[in-house]
mmCIF file of all heavy atoms, coordinates in Angstrom:
data_MODEL
# 
_entry.id   MODEL 
# 
loop_
_atom_site.group_PDB 
_atom_site.id 
_atom_site.type_symbol 
_atom_site.label_atom_id 
_atom_site.label_alt_id 
_atom_site.label_comp_id 
_atom_site.label_asym_id 
_atom_site.label_entity_id 
_atom_site.label_seq_id 
_atom_site.pdbx_PDB_ins_code 
_atom_site.Cartn_x 
_atom_site.Cartn_y 
_atom_site.Cartn_z 
_atom_site.occupancy 
_atom_site.B_iso_or_equiv 
_atom_site.pdbx_formal_charge 
_atom_site.auth_seq_id 
_atom_site.auth_comp_id 
_atom_site.auth_asym_id 
_atom_site.auth_atom_id 
_atom_site.pdbx_PDB_model_num 
ATOM 1   N N   . ARG A 1 1  ? 13.073  -4.008 4.643  1.00 0.00 ? 1  ARG A N   1 
ATOM 2   C CA  . ARG A 1 1  ? 13.913  -4.793 3.738  1.00 0.00 ? 1  ARG A CA  1 
ATOM 3   C C   . ARG A 1 1  ? 14.233  -3.987 2.468  1.00 0.00 ? 1  ARG A C   1 
ATOM 4   O O   . ARG A 1 1  ? 15.333  -4.127 1.837  1.00 0.00 ? 1  ARG A O   1 
ATOM 5   C CB  . ARG A 1 1  ? 13.123  -6.009 3.351  1.00 0.00 ? 1  ARG A CB  1 
ATOM 6   C CG  . ARG A 1 1  ? 13.908  -7.005 2.592  1.00 0.00 ? 1  ARG A CG  1 
ATOM 7   C CD  . ARG A 1 1  ? 13.037  -8.325 2.371  1.00 0.00 ? 1  ARG A CD  1 
ATOM 8   N NE  . ARG A 1 1  ? 11.864  -8.134 1.572  1.00 0.00 ? 1  ARG A NE  1 
ATOM 9   C CZ  . ARG A 1 1  ? 10.711  -8.601 1.937  1.00 0.00 ? 1  ARG A CZ  1 
ATOM 10  N NH1 . ARG A 1 1  ? 10.558  -9.533 2.897  1.00 0.00 ? 1  ARG A NH1 1 
ATOM 11  N NH2 . ARG A 1 1  ? 9.569   -8.308 1.257  1.00 0.00 ? 1  ARG A NH2 1 
ATOM 12  N N   . GLY A 1 2  ? 13.256  -3.139 1.876  1.00 0.00 ? 2  GLY A N   1 
ATOM 13  C CA  . GLY A 1 2  ? 13.582  -2.377 0.724  1.00 0.00 ? 2  GLY A CA  1 
ATOM 14  C C   . GLY A 1 2  ? 13.385  -3.035 -0.610 1.00 0.00 ? 2  GLY A C   1 
ATOM 15  O O   . GLY A 1 2  ? 13.745  -2.522 -1.645 1.00 0.00 ? 2  GLY A O   1 
ATOM 16  N N   . VAL A 1 3  ? 12.781  -4.241 -0.462 1.00 0.00 ? 3  VAL A N   1 
ATOM 17  C CA  . VAL A 1 3  ? 12.458  -5.130 -1.650 1.00 0.00 ? 3  VAL A CA  1 
ATOM 18  C C   . VAL A 1 3  ? 11.129  -5.618 -1.538 1.00 0.00 ? 3  VAL A C   1 
ATOM 19  O O   . VAL A 1 3  ? 10.733  -6.005 -0.535 1.00 0.00 ? 3  VAL A O   1 
ATOM 20  C CB  . VAL A 1 3  ? 13.551  -6.304 -1.911 1.00 0.00 ? 3  VAL A CB  1 
ATOM 21  C CG1 . VAL A 1 3  ? 13.175  -6.991 -3.151 1.00 0.00 ? 3  VAL A CG1 1 
ATOM 22  C CG2 . VAL A 1 3  ? 15.020  -5.685 -2.017 1.00 0.00 ? 3  VAL A CG2 1 
ATOM 23  N N   . GLY A 1 4  ? 10.299  -5.563 -2.609 1.00 0.00 ? 4  GLY A N   1 
ATOM 24  C CA  . GLY A 1 4  ? 8.915   -6.016 -2.611 1.00 0.00 ? 4  GLY A CA  1 
ATOM 25  C C   . GLY A 1 4  ? 8.445   -6.592 -3.794 1.00 0.00 ? 4  GLY A C   1 
ATOM 26  O O   . GLY A 1 4  ? 8.845   -6.088 -4.936 1.00 0.00 ? 4  GLY A O   1 
ATOM 27  N N   . SER A 1 5  ? 7.497   -7.459 -3.723 1.00 0.00 ? 5  SER A N   1 
ATOM 28  C CA  . SER A 1 5  ? 6.745   -7.919 -4.989 1.00 0.00 ? 5  SER A CA  1 
ATOM 29  C C   . SER A 1 5  ? 5.606   -6.940 -5.171 1.00 0.00 ? 5  SER A C   1 
ATOM 30  O O   . SER A 1 5  ? 5.432   -6.017 -4.461 1.00 0.00 ? 5  SER A O   1 
ATOM 31  C CB  . SER A 1 5  ? 6.168   -9.280 -4.703 1.00 0.00 ? 5  SER A CB  1 
ATOM 32  O OG  . SER A 1 5  ? 5.124   -9.238 -3.590 1.00 0.00 ? 5  SER A OG  1 
ATOM 33  N N   . CYS A 1 6  ? 4.874   -7.122 -6.291 1.00 0.00 ? 6  CYS A N   1 
ATOM 34  C CA  . CYS A 1 6  ? 3.695   -6.246 -6.521 1.00 0.00 ? 6  CYS A CA  1 
ATOM 35  C C   . CYS A 1 6  ? 2.759   -6.301 -5.394 1.00 0.00 ? 6  CYS A C   1 
ATOM 36  O O   . CYS A 1 6  ? 2.234   -5.182 -5.030 1.00 0.00 ? 6  CYS A O   1 
ATOM 37  C CB  . CYS A 1 6  ? 3.028   -6.679 -7.876 1.00 0.00 ? 6  CYS A CB  1 
ATOM 38  S SG  . CYS A 1 6  ? 2.128   -8.289 -7.751 1.00 0.00 ? 6  CYS A SG  1 
ATOM 39  N N   . GLY A 1 7  ? 2.436   -7.335 -4.693 1.00 0.00 ? 7  GLY A N   1 
ATOM 40  C CA  . GLY A 1 7  ? 1.612   -7.447 -3.632 1.00 0.00 ? 7  GLY A CA  1 
ATOM 41  C C   . GLY A 1 7  ? 2.177   -6.630 -2.378 1.00 0.00 ? 7  GLY A C   1 
ATOM 42  O O   . GLY A 1 7  ? 1.443   -5.930 -1.594 1.00 0.00 ? 7  GLY A O   1 
ATOM 43  N N   . GLU A 1 8  ? 3.516   -6.677 -2.238 1.00 0.00 ? 8  GLU A N   1 
ATOM 44  C CA  . GLU A 1 8  ? 4.032   -5.952 -1.170 1.00 0.00 ? 8  GLU A CA  1 
ATOM 45  C C   . GLU A 1 8  ? 4.128   -4.424 -1.456 1.00 0.00 ? 8  GLU A C   1 
ATOM 46  O O   . GLU A 1 8  ? 3.896   -3.633 -0.498 1.00 0.00 ? 8  GLU A O   1 
ATOM 47  C CB  . GLU A 1 8  ? 5.523   -6.544 -0.822 1.00 0.00 ? 8  GLU A CB  1 
ATOM 48  C CG  . GLU A 1 8  ? 5.332   -7.918 -0.294 1.00 0.00 ? 8  GLU A CG  1 
ATOM 49  C CD  . GLU A 1 8  ? 6.653   -8.685 -0.168 1.00 0.00 ? 8  GLU A CD  1 
ATOM 50  O OE1 . GLU A 1 8  ? 7.536   -8.513 -0.994 1.00 0.00 ? 8  GLU A OE1 1 
ATOM 51  O OE2 . GLU A 1 8  ? 6.781   -9.481 0.718  1.00 0.00 ? 8  GLU A OE2 1 
ATOM 52  N N   . TYR A 1 9  ? 4.452   -4.095 -2.614 1.00 0.00 ? 9  TYR A N   1 
ATOM 53  C CA  . TYR A 1 9  ? 4.332   -2.586 -3.002 1.00 0.00 ? 9  TYR A CA  1 
ATOM 54  C C   . TYR A 1 9  ? 2.874   -2.136 -2.675 1.00 0.00 ? 9  TYR A C   1 
ATOM 55  O O   . TYR A 1 9  ? 2.646   -1.084 -2.037 1.00 0.00 ? 9  TYR A O   1 
ATOM 56  C CB  . TYR A 1 9  ? 4.521   -2.490 -4.510 1.00 0.00 ? 9  TYR A CB  1 
ATOM 57  C CG  . TYR A 1 9  ? 5.860   -2.160 -4.984 1.00 0.00 ? 9  TYR A CG  1 
ATOM 58  C CD1 . TYR A 1 9  ? 6.934   -3.137 -5.065 1.00 0.00 ? 9  TYR A CD1 1 
ATOM 59  C CD2 . TYR A 1 9  ? 6.309   -0.855 -5.334 1.00 0.00 ? 9  TYR A CD2 1 
ATOM 60  C CE1 . TYR A 1 9  ? 8.185   -2.893 -5.534 1.00 0.00 ? 9  TYR A CE1 1 
ATOM 61  C CE2 . TYR A 1 9  ? 7.621   -0.533 -5.717 1.00 0.00 ? 9  TYR A CE2 1 
ATOM 62  C CZ  . TYR A 1 9  ? 8.533   -1.578 -5.884 1.00 0.00 ? 9  TYR A CZ  1 
ATOM 63  O OH  . TYR A 1 9  ? 9.790   -1.338 -6.267 1.00 0.00 ? 9  TYR A OH  1 
ATOM 64  N N   . LEU A 1 10 ? 1.929   -2.994 -3.062 1.00 0.00 ? 10 LEU A N   1 
ATOM 65  C CA  . LEU A 1 10 ? 0.514   -2.646 -2.819 1.00 0.00 ? 10 LEU A CA  1 
ATOM 66  C C   . LEU A 1 10 ? 0.156   -2.453 -1.371 1.00 0.00 ? 10 LEU A C   1 
ATOM 67  O O   . LEU A 1 10 ? -0.469  -1.437 -0.931 1.00 0.00 ? 10 LEU A O   1 
ATOM 68  C CB  . LEU A 1 10 ? -0.479  -3.634 -3.501 1.00 0.00 ? 10 LEU A CB  1 
ATOM 69  C CG  . LEU A 1 10 ? -1.918  -3.479 -3.323 1.00 0.00 ? 10 LEU A CG  1 
ATOM 70  C CD1 . LEU A 1 10 ? -2.426  -2.129 -3.899 1.00 0.00 ? 10 LEU A CD1 1 
ATOM 71  C CD2 . LEU A 1 10 ? -2.632  -4.656 -3.846 1.00 0.00 ? 10 LEU A CD2 1 
ATOM 72  N N   . GLY A 1 11 ? 0.705   -3.340 -0.575 1.00 0.00 ? 11 GLY A N   1 
ATOM 73  C CA  . GLY A 1 11 ? 0.415   -3.303 0.943  1.00 0.00 ? 11 GLY A CA  1 
ATOM 74  C C   . GLY A 1 11 ? 0.914   -2.012 1.437  1.00 0.00 ? 11 GLY A C   1 
ATOM 75  O O   . GLY A 1 11 ? 0.252   -1.409 2.308  1.00 0.00 ? 11 GLY A O   1 
ATOM 76  N N   . LEU A 1 12 ? 2.185   -1.529 1.093  1.00 0.00 ? 12 LEU A N   1 
ATOM 77  C CA  . LEU A 1 12 ? 2.717   -0.347 1.668  1.00 0.00 ? 12 LEU A CA  1 
ATOM 78  C C   . LEU A 1 12 ? 1.982   0.918  1.148  1.00 0.00 ? 12 LEU A C   1 
ATOM 79  O O   . LEU A 1 12 ? 1.640   1.742  1.824  1.00 0.00 ? 12 LEU A O   1 
ATOM 80  C CB  . LEU A 1 12 ? 4.256   -0.227 1.216  1.00 0.00 ? 12 LEU A CB  1 
ATOM 81  C CG  . LEU A 1 12 ? 4.954   0.935  1.760  1.00 0.00 ? 12 LEU A CG  1 
ATOM 82  C CD1 . LEU A 1 12 ? 4.827   1.073  3.246  1.00 0.00 ? 12 LEU A CD1 1 
ATOM 83  C CD2 . LEU A 1 12 ? 6.491   0.798  1.279  1.00 0.00 ? 12 LEU A CD2 1 
ATOM 84  N N   . LEU A 1 13 ? 1.514   0.830  -0.196 1.00 0.00 ? 13 LEU A N   1 
ATOM 85  C CA  . LEU A 1 13 ? 0.741   1.988  -0.763 1.00 0.00 ? 13 LEU A CA  1 
ATOM 86  C C   . LEU A 1 13 ? -0.560  2.133  0.073  1.00 0.00 ? 13 LEU A C   1 
ATOM 87  O O   . LEU A 1 13 ? -1.083  3.220  0.388  1.00 0.00 ? 13 LEU A O   1 
ATOM 88  C CB  . LEU A 1 13 ? 0.446   1.780  -2.220 1.00 0.00 ? 13 LEU A CB  1 
ATOM 89  C CG  . LEU A 1 13 ? 1.660   1.897  -3.252 1.00 0.00 ? 13 LEU A CG  1 
ATOM 90  C CD1 . LEU A 1 13 ? 1.397   1.278  -4.566 1.00 0.00 ? 13 LEU A CD1 1 
ATOM 91  C CD2 . LEU A 1 13 ? 2.043   3.410  -3.259 1.00 0.00 ? 13 LEU A CD2 1 
ATOM 92  N N   . LEU A 1 14 ? -1.207  0.928  0.251  1.00 0.00 ? 14 LEU A N   1 
ATOM 93  C CA  . LEU A 1 14 ? -2.542  1.011  1.004  1.00 0.00 ? 14 LEU A CA  1 
ATOM 94  C C   . LEU A 1 14 ? -2.300  1.549  2.371  1.00 0.00 ? 14 LEU A C   1 
ATOM 95  O O   . LEU A 1 14 ? -3.146  2.440  2.842  1.00 0.00 ? 14 LEU A O   1 
ATOM 96  C CB  . LEU A 1 14 ? -3.177  -0.348 1.011  1.00 0.00 ? 14 LEU A CB  1 
ATOM 97  C CG  . LEU A 1 14 ? -3.605  -1.080 -0.305 1.00 0.00 ? 14 LEU A CG  1 
ATOM 98  C CD1 . LEU A 1 14 ? -3.881  -2.540 -0.004 1.00 0.00 ? 14 LEU A CD1 1 
ATOM 99  C CD2 . LEU A 1 14 ? -4.851  -0.375 -0.790 1.00 0.00 ? 14 LEU A CD2 1 
ATOM 100 N N   . ALA A 1 15 ? -1.310  1.142  3.071  1.00 0.00 ? 15 ALA A N   1 
ATOM 101 C CA  . ALA A 1 15 ? -1.182  1.619  4.438  1.00 0.00 ? 15 ALA A CA  1 
ATOM 102 C C   . ALA A 1 15 ? -0.821  3.041  4.526  1.00 0.00 ? 15 ALA A C   1 
ATOM 103 O O   . ALA A 1 15 ? -1.434  3.781  5.298  1.00 0.00 ? 15 ALA A O   1 
ATOM 104 C CB  . ALA A 1 15 ? 0.001   0.795  5.024  1.00 0.00 ? 15 ALA A CB  1 
ATOM 105 N N   . LEU A 1 16 ? -0.035  3.586  3.602  1.00 0.00 ? 16 LEU A N   1 
ATOM 106 C CA  . LEU A 1 16 ? 0.315   4.967  3.680  1.00 0.00 ? 16 LEU A CA  1 
ATOM 107 C C   . LEU A 1 16 ? -0.790  5.891  3.238  1.00 0.00 ? 16 LEU A C   1 
ATOM 108 O O   . LEU A 1 16 ? -1.002  6.993  3.711  1.00 0.00 ? 16 LEU A O   1 
ATOM 109 C CB  . LEU A 1 16 ? 1.567   5.254  2.804  1.00 0.00 ? 16 LEU A CB  1 
ATOM 110 C CG  . LEU A 1 16 ? 2.839   4.538  3.136  1.00 0.00 ? 16 LEU A CG  1 
ATOM 111 C CD1 . LEU A 1 16 ? 4.079   5.054  2.286  1.00 0.00 ? 16 LEU A CD1 1 
ATOM 112 C CD2 . LEU A 1 16 ? 3.047   4.527  4.653  1.00 0.00 ? 16 LEU A CD2 1 
ATOM 113 N N   . CYS A 1 17 ? -1.502  5.352  2.233  1.00 0.00 ? 17 CYS A N   1 
ATOM 114 C CA  . CYS A 1 17 ? -2.730  6.178  1.752  1.00 0.00 ? 17 CYS A CA  1 
ATOM 115 C C   . CYS A 1 17 ? -3.745  6.246  2.940  1.00 0.00 ? 17 CYS A C   1 
ATOM 116 O O   . CYS A 1 17 ? -4.415  7.288  3.146  1.00 0.00 ? 17 CYS A O   1 
ATOM 117 C CB  . CYS A 1 17 ? -3.243  5.596  0.451  1.00 0.00 ? 17 CYS A CB  1 
ATOM 118 S SG  . CYS A 1 17 ? -2.389  5.964  -0.966 1.00 0.00 ? 17 CYS A SG  1 
ATOM 119 N N   . ARG A 1 18 ? -4.108  5.105  3.458  1.00 0.00 ? 18 ARG A N   1 
ATOM 120 C CA  . ARG A 1 18 ? -5.225  5.032  4.435  1.00 0.00 ? 18 ARG A CA  1 
ATOM 121 C C   . ARG A 1 18 ? -4.801  5.962  5.732  1.00 0.00 ? 18 ARG A C   1 
ATOM 122 O O   . ARG A 1 18 ? -5.631  6.648  6.225  1.00 0.00 ? 18 ARG A O   1 
ATOM 123 C CB  . ARG A 1 18 ? -5.429  3.688  4.854  1.00 0.00 ? 18 ARG A CB  1 
ATOM 124 C CG  . ARG A 1 18 ? -6.155  2.864  3.760  1.00 0.00 ? 18 ARG A CG  1 
ATOM 125 C CD  . ARG A 1 18 ? -6.516  1.449  4.091  1.00 0.00 ? 18 ARG A CD  1 
ATOM 126 N NE  . ARG A 1 18 ? -7.228  0.740  2.933  1.00 0.00 ? 18 ARG A NE  1 
ATOM 127 C CZ  . ARG A 1 18 ? -7.651  -0.515 3.004  1.00 0.00 ? 18 ARG A CZ  1 
ATOM 128 N NH1 . ARG A 1 18 ? -7.568  -1.194 4.139  1.00 0.00 ? 18 ARG A NH1 1 
ATOM 129 N NH2 . ARG A 1 18 ? -8.231  -0.989 1.919  1.00 0.00 ? 18 ARG A NH2 1 
ATOM 130 N N   . LEU A 1 19 ? -3.585  5.878  6.058  1.00 0.00 ? 19 LEU A N   1 
ATOM 131 C CA  . LEU A 1 19 ? -3.187  6.699  7.250  1.00 0.00 ? 19 LEU A CA  1 
ATOM 132 C C   . LEU A 1 19 ? -3.213  8.232  6.824  1.00 0.00 ? 19 LEU A C   1 
ATOM 133 O O   . LEU A 1 19 ? -3.261  9.021  7.759  1.00 0.00 ? 19 LEU A O   1 
ATOM 134 C CB  . LEU A 1 19 ? -1.728  6.383  7.646  1.00 0.00 ? 19 LEU A CB  1 
ATOM 135 C CG  . LEU A 1 19 ? -1.544  5.007  8.448  1.00 0.00 ? 19 LEU A CG  1 
ATOM 136 C CD1 . LEU A 1 19 ? -0.130  4.684  8.625  1.00 0.00 ? 19 LEU A CD1 1 
ATOM 137 C CD2 . LEU A 1 19 ? -2.280  5.189  9.825  1.00 0.00 ? 19 LEU A CD2 1 
ATOM 138 N N   . ASN A 1 20 ? -3.277  8.530  5.645  1.00 0.00 ? 20 ASN A N   1 
ATOM 139 C CA  . ASN A 1 20 ? -3.350  9.961  5.261  1.00 0.00 ? 20 ASN A CA  1 
ATOM 140 C C   . ASN A 1 20 ? -4.744  10.203 4.713  1.00 0.00 ? 20 ASN A C   1 
ATOM 141 O O   . ASN A 1 20 ? -5.025  11.266 4.111  1.00 0.00 ? 20 ASN A O   1 
ATOM 142 C CB  . ASN A 1 20 ? -2.470  10.215 4.105  1.00 0.00 ? 20 ASN A CB  1 
ATOM 143 C CG  . ASN A 1 20 ? -0.951  10.480 4.623  1.00 0.00 ? 20 ASN A CG  1 
ATOM 144 O OD1 . ASN A 1 20 ? -0.807  11.591 5.100  1.00 0.00 ? 20 ASN A OD1 1 
ATOM 145 N ND2 . ASN A 1 20 ? -0.185  9.603  4.377  1.00 0.00 ? 20 ASN A ND2 1 
ATOM 146 N N   . GLY A 1 21 ? -5.731  9.477  5.134  1.00 0.00 ? 21 GLY A N   1 
ATOM 147 C CA  . GLY A 1 21 ? -7.149  9.710  4.917  1.00 0.00 ? 21 GLY A CA  1 
ATOM 148 C C   . GLY A 1 21 ? -7.599  9.519  3.514  1.00 0.00 ? 21 GLY A C   1 
ATOM 149 O O   . GLY A 1 21 ? -8.607  10.075 3.017  1.00 0.00 ? 21 GLY A O   1 
ATOM 150 N N   . ILE A 1 22 ? -6.814  8.714  2.777  1.00 0.00 ? 22 ILE A N   1 
ATOM 151 C CA  . ILE A 1 22 ? -7.190  8.403  1.308  1.00 0.00 ? 22 ILE A CA  1 
ATOM 152 C C   . ILE A 1 22 ? -7.872  7.076  1.182  1.00 0.00 ? 22 ILE A C   1 
ATOM 153 O O   . ILE A 1 22 ? -7.181  6.070  1.437  1.00 0.00 ? 22 ILE A O   1 
ATOM 154 C CB  . ILE A 1 22 ? -5.944  8.560  0.415  1.00 0.00 ? 22 ILE A CB  1 
ATOM 155 C CG1 . ILE A 1 22 ? -5.358  9.985  0.535  1.00 0.00 ? 22 ILE A CG1 1 
ATOM 156 C CG2 . ILE A 1 22 ? -6.365  8.073  -1.031 1.00 0.00 ? 22 ILE A CG2 1 
ATOM 157 C CD1 . ILE A 1 22 ? -3.930  9.995  0.032  1.00 0.00 ? 22 ILE A CD1 1 
ATOM 158 N N   . ALA A 1 23 ? -9.085  6.969  0.881  1.00 0.00 ? 23 ALA A N   1 
ATOM 159 C CA  . ALA A 1 23 ? -9.703  5.685  0.752  1.00 0.00 ? 23 ALA A CA  1 
ATOM 160 C C   . ALA A 1 23 ? -9.158  4.898  -0.459 1.00 0.00 ? 23 ALA A C   1 
ATOM 161 O O   . ALA A 1 23 ? -9.000  5.536  -1.557 1.00 0.00 ? 23 ALA A O   1 
ATOM 162 C CB  . ALA A 1 23 ? -11.318 5.852  0.488  1.00 0.00 ? 23 ALA A CB  1 
ATOM 163 N N   . CYS A 1 24 ? -8.899  3.566  -0.272 1.00 0.00 ? 24 CYS A N   1 
ATOM 164 C CA  . CYS A 1 24 ? -8.211  2.858  -1.344 1.00 0.00 ? 24 CYS A CA  1 
ATOM 165 C C   . CYS A 1 24 ? -8.416  1.357  -1.104 1.00 0.00 ? 24 CYS A C   1 
ATOM 166 O O   . CYS A 1 24 ? -8.899  0.956  -0.017 1.00 0.00 ? 24 CYS A O   1 
ATOM 167 C CB  . CYS A 1 24 ? -6.684  3.146  -1.401 1.00 0.00 ? 24 CYS A CB  1 
ATOM 168 S SG  . CYS A 1 24 ? -5.847  2.892  0.154  1.00 0.00 ? 24 CYS A SG  1 
ATOM 169 N N   . ARG A 1 25 ? -8.338  0.643  -2.234 1.00 0.00 ? 25 ARG A N   1 
ATOM 170 C CA  . ARG A 1 25 ? -8.653  -0.782 -2.125 1.00 0.00 ? 25 ARG A CA  1 
ATOM 171 C C   . ARG A 1 25 ? -7.830  -1.587 -3.198 1.00 0.00 ? 25 ARG A C   1 
ATOM 172 O O   . ARG A 1 25 ? -7.247  -1.065 -4.073 1.00 0.00 ? 25 ARG A O   1 
ATOM 173 C CB  . ARG A 1 25 ? -10.127 -1.035 -2.510 1.00 0.00 ? 25 ARG A CB  1 
ATOM 174 C CG  . ARG A 1 25 ? -10.574 -0.712 -3.878 1.00 0.00 ? 25 ARG A CG  1 
ATOM 175 C CD  . ARG A 1 25 ? -12.006 -0.839 -3.961 1.00 0.00 ? 25 ARG A CD  1 
ATOM 176 N NE  . ARG A 1 25 ? -12.500 -0.492 -5.377 1.00 0.00 ? 25 ARG A NE  1 
ATOM 177 C CZ  . ARG A 1 25 ? -13.786 -0.471 -5.775 1.00 0.00 ? 25 ARG A CZ  1 
ATOM 178 N NH1 . ARG A 1 25 ? -14.692 -0.755 -4.913 1.00 0.00 ? 25 ARG A NH1 1 
ATOM 179 N NH2 . ARG A 1 25 ? -14.021 -0.137 -7.059 1.00 0.00 ? 25 ARG A NH2 1 
ATOM 180 N N   . THR A 1 26 ? -7.779  -2.881 -2.964 1.00 0.00 ? 26 THR A N   1 
ATOM 181 C CA  . THR A 1 26 ? -6.991  -3.762 -3.821 1.00 0.00 ? 26 THR A CA  1 
ATOM 182 C C   . THR A 1 26 ? -7.896  -4.235 -5.019 1.00 0.00 ? 26 THR A C   1 
ATOM 183 O O   . THR A 1 26 ? -9.074  -4.486 -4.840 1.00 0.00 ? 26 THR A O   1 
ATOM 184 C CB  . THR A 1 26 ? -6.511  -5.085 -3.037 1.00 0.00 ? 26 THR A CB  1 
ATOM 185 O OG1 . THR A 1 26 ? -5.701  -4.734 -1.922 1.00 0.00 ? 26 THR A OG1 1 
ATOM 186 C CG2 . THR A 1 26 ? -5.827  -6.033 -3.915 1.00 0.00 ? 26 THR A CG2 1 
ATOM 187 N N   . VAL A 1 27 ? -7.222  -4.255 -6.156 1.00 0.00 ? 27 VAL A N   1 
ATOM 188 C CA  . VAL A 1 27 ? -7.872  -4.806 -7.424 1.00 0.00 ? 27 VAL A CA  1 
ATOM 189 C C   . VAL A 1 27 ? -6.926  -5.817 -8.004 1.00 0.00 ? 27 VAL A C   1 
ATOM 190 O O   . VAL A 1 27 ? -5.727  -5.632 -7.877 1.00 0.00 ? 27 VAL A O   1 
ATOM 191 C CB  . VAL A 1 27 ? -8.243  -3.567 -8.460 1.00 0.00 ? 27 VAL A CB  1 
ATOM 192 C CG1 . VAL A 1 27 ? -8.937  -4.295 -9.561 1.00 0.00 ? 27 VAL A CG1 1 
ATOM 193 C CG2 . VAL A 1 27 ? -9.006  -2.665 -7.741 1.00 0.00 ? 27 VAL A CG2 1 
# 
């Protein structure tokens, strides 16, 4: 879609980081 809320930005950041071996979490 190319449009996101803060939670949707966060979801994409979490997914890409974890797939690259970077531990991350929501705050």
